[in-house]
Amino acid sequence: MYLKKIQTRNFRVFGDGKAVPALDWELAPGLNILVGENDAGKSTVIDAIRQVLWTTSYEFVRMLDGKRSYGKPPPKLEMFISVH
């Protein structure tokens, strides 16, 4: 399984793409490296992958639900994969 693209909207540090940037990352074939300054969203990208692949503990999912802002659109997480 190869991860090809990650898109997030309204998930932690990423916004809806209007006022606050969303994540729209097309991964290159082979090795991709995630680097950035503190609070840039590196851990958020990993958490989004974990959330979509259901590799998170119950406590993590509960923590995400508790941090949701009511009155705002729900988070949207999408991943595109290829299976070889």
C-alpha atoms as a PDB file:
ATOM      1  CA  MET A   1       0.000   0.000   0.000  1.00  0.00           C
ATOM      2  CA  TYR A   2       1.362   3.403  -1.006  1.00  0.00           C
ATOM      3  CA  LEU A   3       0.034   6.695   0.260  1.00  0.00           C
ATOM      4  CA  LYS A   4      -0.406   9.046  -2.704  1.00  0.00           C
ATOM      5  CA  LYS A   5      -2.227  12.103  -1.370  1.00  0.00           C
ATOM      6  CA  ILE A   6      -3.424  13.560   1.951  1.00  0.00           C
ATOM      7  CA  GLN A   7      -6.115  16.224   2.276  1.00  0.00           C
ATOM      8  CA  THR A   8      -7.416  17.713   5.514  1.00  0.00           C
ATOM      9  CA  ARG A   9      -9.946  20.411   6.264  1.00  0.00           C
ATOM     10  CA  ASN A  10     -10.692  21.827   9.729  1.00  0.00           C
ATOM     11  CA  PHE A  11      -8.372  19.366  11.474  1.00  0.00           C
ATOM     12  CA  ARG A  12      -6.307  20.823  14.318  1.00  0.00           C
ATOM     13  CA  VAL A  13      -3.866  23.408  12.853  1.00  0.00           C
ATOM     14  CA  PHE A  14      -5.285  23.087   9.326  1.00  0.00           C
ATOM     15  CA  GLY A  15      -8.331  25.125   8.377  1.00  0.00           C
ATOM     16  CA  ASP A  16     -10.866  25.155   5.576  1.00  0.00           C
ATOM     17  CA  GLY A  17      -8.473  26.552   2.982  1.00  0.00           C
ATOM     18  CA  LYS A  18      -9.977  30.038   3.042  1.00  0.00           C
ATOM     19  CA  ALA A  19      -8.935  31.991   6.137  1.00  0.00           C
ATOM     20  CA  VAL A  20      -6.655  29.244   7.488  1.00  0.00           C
ATOM     21  CA  PRO A  21      -4.689  27.020   5.068  1.00  0.00           C
ATOM     22  CA  ALA A  22      -5.824  23.435   4.578  1.00  0.00           C
ATOM     23  CA  LEU A  23      -3.494  20.521   3.885  1.00  0.00           C
ATOM     24  CA  ASP A  24      -3.367  19.287   0.295  1.00  0.00           C
ATOM     25  CA  TRP A  25      -0.225  17.175  -0.062  1.00  0.00           C
ATOM     26  CA  GLU A  26       0.519  15.038  -3.114  1.00  0.00           C
ATOM     27  CA  LEU A  27       3.307  12.664  -2.112  1.00  0.00           C
ATOM     28  CA  ALA A  28       6.094  11.828  -4.537  1.00  0.00           C
ATOM     29  CA  PRO A  29       6.861   8.185  -5.355  1.00  0.00           C
ATOM     30  CA  GLY A  30       9.469   6.768  -3.006  1.00  0.00           C
ATOM     31  CA  LEU A  31      10.551   8.380   0.240  1.00  0.00           C
ATOM     32  CA  ASN A  32       8.900  11.578   1.501  1.00  0.00           C
ATOM     33  CA  ILE A  33      10.295  13.494   4.472  1.00  0.00           C
ATOM     34  CA  LEU A  34       8.193  15.754   6.666  1.00  0.00           C
ATOM     35  CA  VAL A  35      10.119  18.676   8.180  1.00  0.00           C
ATOM     36  CA  GLY A  36       9.041  22.030   9.564  1.00  0.00           C
ATOM     37  CA  GLU A  37       9.225  24.481  12.426  1.00  0.00           C
ATOM     38  CA  ASN A  38       7.558  23.909  15.780  1.00  0.00           C
ATOM     39  CA  ASP A  39       3.762  24.032  15.550  1.00  0.00           C
ATOM     40  CA  ALA A  40       3.829  23.761  11.733  1.00  0.00           C
ATOM     41  CA  GLY A  41       1.569  20.688  11.683  1.00  0.00           C
ATOM     42  CA  LYS A  42       3.997  17.759  11.363  1.00  0.00           C
ATOM     43  CA  SER A  43       2.358  15.770  14.171  1.00  0.00           C
ATOM     44  CA  THR A  44      -1.066  16.736  12.838  1.00  0.00           C
ATOM     45  CA  VAL A  45      -0.235  15.082   9.502  1.00  0.00           C
ATOM     46  CA  ILE A  46       0.791  11.882  11.307  1.00  0.00           C
ATOM     47  CA  ASP A  47      -2.332  12.025  13.499  1.00  0.00           C
ATOM     48  CA  ALA A  48      -4.526  12.441  10.404  1.00  0.00           C
ATOM     49  CA  ILE A  49      -2.974   9.327   8.860  1.00  0.00           C
ATOM     50  CA  ARG A  50      -3.501   7.409  12.099  1.00  0.00           C
ATOM     51  CA  GLN A  51      -7.104   8.584  12.330  1.00  0.00           C
ATOM     52  CA  VAL A  52      -7.988   7.526   8.767  1.00  0.00           C
ATOM     53  CA  LEU A  53      -6.274   4.146   9.084  1.00  0.00           C
ATOM     54  CA  TRP A  54      -7.914   3.520  12.502  1.00  0.00           C
ATOM     55  CA  THR A  55      -4.568   2.963  14.206  1.00  0.00           C
ATOM     56  CA  THR A  56      -5.383   5.163  17.158  1.00  0.00           C
ATOM     57  CA  SER A  57      -6.336   4.303  20.669  1.00  0.00           C
ATOM     58  CA  TYR A  58      -9.777   5.065  22.073  1.00  0.00           C
ATOM     59  CA  GLU A  59      -8.283   7.828  24.228  1.00  0.00           C
ATOM     60  CA  PHE A  60      -6.864   9.579  21.163  1.00  0.00           C
ATOM     61  CA  VAL A  61     -10.214   9.497  19.339  1.00  0.00           C
ATOM     62  CA  ARG A  62     -11.991  10.788  22.440  1.00  0.00           C
ATOM     63  CA  MET A  63      -9.431  13.606  22.720  1.00  0.00           C
ATOM     64  CA  LEU A  64     -10.107  14.644  19.118  1.00  0.00           C
ATOM     65  CA  ASP A  65     -13.869  14.666  19.703  1.00  0.00           C
ATOM     66  CA  GLY A  66     -13.422  16.793  22.813  1.00  0.00           C
ATOM     67  CA  LYS A  67     -11.398  19.436  20.937  1.00  0.00           C
ATOM     68  CA  ARG A  68     -13.973  19.943  18.211  1.00  0.00           C
ATOM     69  CA  SER A  69     -15.319  23.474  17.933  1.00  0.00           C
ATOM     70  CA  TYR A  70     -19.079  23.522  17.697  1.00  0.00           C
ATOM     71  CA  GLY A  71     -20.515  25.885  15.122  1.00  0.00           C
ATOM     72  CA  LYS A  72     -17.668  25.080  12.720  1.00  0.00           C
ATOM     73  CA  PRO A  73     -17.699  22.430   9.983  1.00  0.00           C
ATOM     74  CA  PRO A  74     -16.513  18.992  11.122  1.00  0.00           C
ATOM     75  CA  PRO A  75     -12.999  17.854  10.230  1.00  0.00           C
ATOM     76  CA  LYS A  76     -12.578  16.232   6.832  1.00  0.00           C
ATOM     77  CA  LEU A  77      -9.727  13.772   6.327  1.00  0.00           C
ATOM     78  CA  GLU A  78      -9.085  12.079   2.985  1.00  0.00           C
ATOM     79  CA  MET A  79      -6.279   9.872   1.767  1.00  0.00           C
ATOM     80  CA  PHE A  80      -5.652   8.364  -1.599  1.00  0.00           C
ATOM     81  CA  ILE A  81      -3.694   5.121  -1.694  1.00  0.00           C
ATOM     82  CA  SER A  82      -2.547   2.646  -4.307  1.00  0.00           C
ATOM     83  CA  VAL A  83      -2.191  -1.041  -3.606  1.00  0.00           C
ATOM     84  CA  HIS A  84       0.438  -3.025  -5.491  1.00  0.00           C
END
